[in-house]
Amino acid sequence: MTAAWFRDAVIYEIYPQSFQDTNADGIGDLRGVIERLDYIAALGVDAIWF
């Protein structure tokens, strides 16, 4: 991997507070992001930006 891998990468920005709520408090959380990693990977995402 070269130092400029990001030039051709698909980078997906996630705002965890609005992504997915796993504990029903009305605010998304990191656990929600983790639970959806398979879906994000299936989209062809190379990196996640928080």
C-alpha atoms as a PDB file:
ATOM      1  CA  MET A   1       0.000   0.000   0.000  1.00  0.00           C
ATOM      2  CA  THR A   2       1.349   3.409  -0.921  1.00  0.00           C
ATOM      3  CA  ALA A   3       1.218   6.526   1.203  1.00  0.00           C
ATOM      4  CA  ALA A   4      -1.386   8.000  -1.158  1.00  0.00           C
ATOM      5  CA  TRP A   5      -3.887   5.110  -0.888  1.00  0.00           C
ATOM      6  CA  PHE A   6      -6.633   7.596  -0.051  1.00  0.00           C
ATOM      7  CA  ARG A   7      -6.589   9.150  -3.521  1.00  0.00           C
ATOM      8  CA  ASP A   8      -8.591   6.259  -4.966  1.00  0.00           C
ATOM      9  CA  ALA A   9     -10.302   5.210  -1.737  1.00  0.00           C
ATOM     10  CA  VAL A  10     -13.984   5.372  -0.902  1.00  0.00           C
ATOM     11  CA  ILE A  11     -14.221   7.256   2.386  1.00  0.00           C
ATOM     12  CA  TYR A  12     -17.571   7.165   4.189  1.00  0.00           C
ATOM     13  CA  GLU A  13     -18.284   9.865   6.757  1.00  0.00           C
ATOM     14  CA  ILE A  14     -20.387   8.812   9.717  1.00  0.00           C
ATOM     15  CA  TYR A  15     -21.898  11.109  12.306  1.00  0.00           C
ATOM     16  CA  PRO A  16     -22.472   8.538  15.090  1.00  0.00           C
ATOM     17  CA  GLN A  17     -25.057  10.615  16.949  1.00  0.00           C
ATOM     18  CA  SER A  18     -27.449  10.303  14.018  1.00  0.00           C
ATOM     19  CA  PHE A  19     -26.318   6.994  12.488  1.00  0.00           C
ATOM     20  CA  GLN A  20     -27.923   4.261  14.595  1.00  0.00           C
ATOM     21  CA  ASP A  21     -29.229   4.151  18.141  1.00  0.00           C
ATOM     22  CA  THR A  22     -28.780   0.788  19.867  1.00  0.00           C
ATOM     23  CA  ASN A  23     -29.865   1.631  23.406  1.00  0.00           C
ATOM     24  CA  ALA A  24     -33.108   3.515  22.566  1.00  0.00           C
ATOM     25  CA  ASP A  25     -32.049   6.819  24.119  1.00  0.00           C
ATOM     26  CA  GLY A  26     -32.653   8.720  20.890  1.00  0.00           C
ATOM     27  CA  ILE A  27     -28.971   9.315  20.125  1.00  0.00           C
ATOM     28  CA  GLY A  28     -26.858   7.151  17.846  1.00  0.00           C
ATOM     29  CA  ASP A  29     -23.807   5.499  19.328  1.00  0.00           C
ATOM     30  CA  LEU A  30     -20.551   3.761  18.434  1.00  0.00           C
ATOM     31  CA  ARG A  31     -22.142   0.372  19.023  1.00  0.00           C
ATOM     32  CA  GLY A  32     -24.609   1.213  16.249  1.00  0.00           C
ATOM     33  CA  VAL A  33     -21.735   1.914  13.877  1.00  0.00           C
ATOM     34  CA  ILE A  34     -20.031  -1.344  14.839  1.00  0.00           C
ATOM     35  CA  GLU A  35     -23.236  -3.307  14.235  1.00  0.00           C
ATOM     36  CA  ARG A  36     -23.417  -1.917  10.688  1.00  0.00           C
ATOM     37  CA  LEU A  37     -19.786  -2.497   9.659  1.00  0.00           C
ATOM     38  CA  ASP A  38     -20.719  -5.454   7.428  1.00  0.00           C
ATOM     39  CA  TYR A  39     -23.198  -3.263   5.550  1.00  0.00           C
ATOM     40  CA  ILE A  40     -20.662  -0.449   5.187  1.00  0.00           C
ATOM     41  CA  ALA A  41     -18.012  -2.886   3.927  1.00  0.00           C
ATOM     42  CA  ALA A  42     -20.497  -4.280   1.382  1.00  0.00           C
ATOM     43  CA  LEU A  43     -20.782  -0.772  -0.057  1.00  0.00           C
ATOM     44  CA  GLY A  44     -17.085  -0.945  -0.953  1.00  0.00           C
ATOM     45  CA  VAL A  45     -15.952   1.537   1.677  1.00  0.00           C
ATOM     46  CA  ASP A  46     -12.192   1.644   2.303  1.00  0.00           C
ATOM     47  CA  ALA A  47     -12.172   3.975   5.311  1.00  0.00           C
ATOM     48  CA  ILE A  48     -14.563   5.588   7.775  1.00  0.00           C
ATOM     49  CA  TRP A  49     -14.294   9.222   8.806  1.00  0.00           C
ATOM     50  CA  PHE A  50     -15.895  10.249  12.122  1.00  0.00           C
END
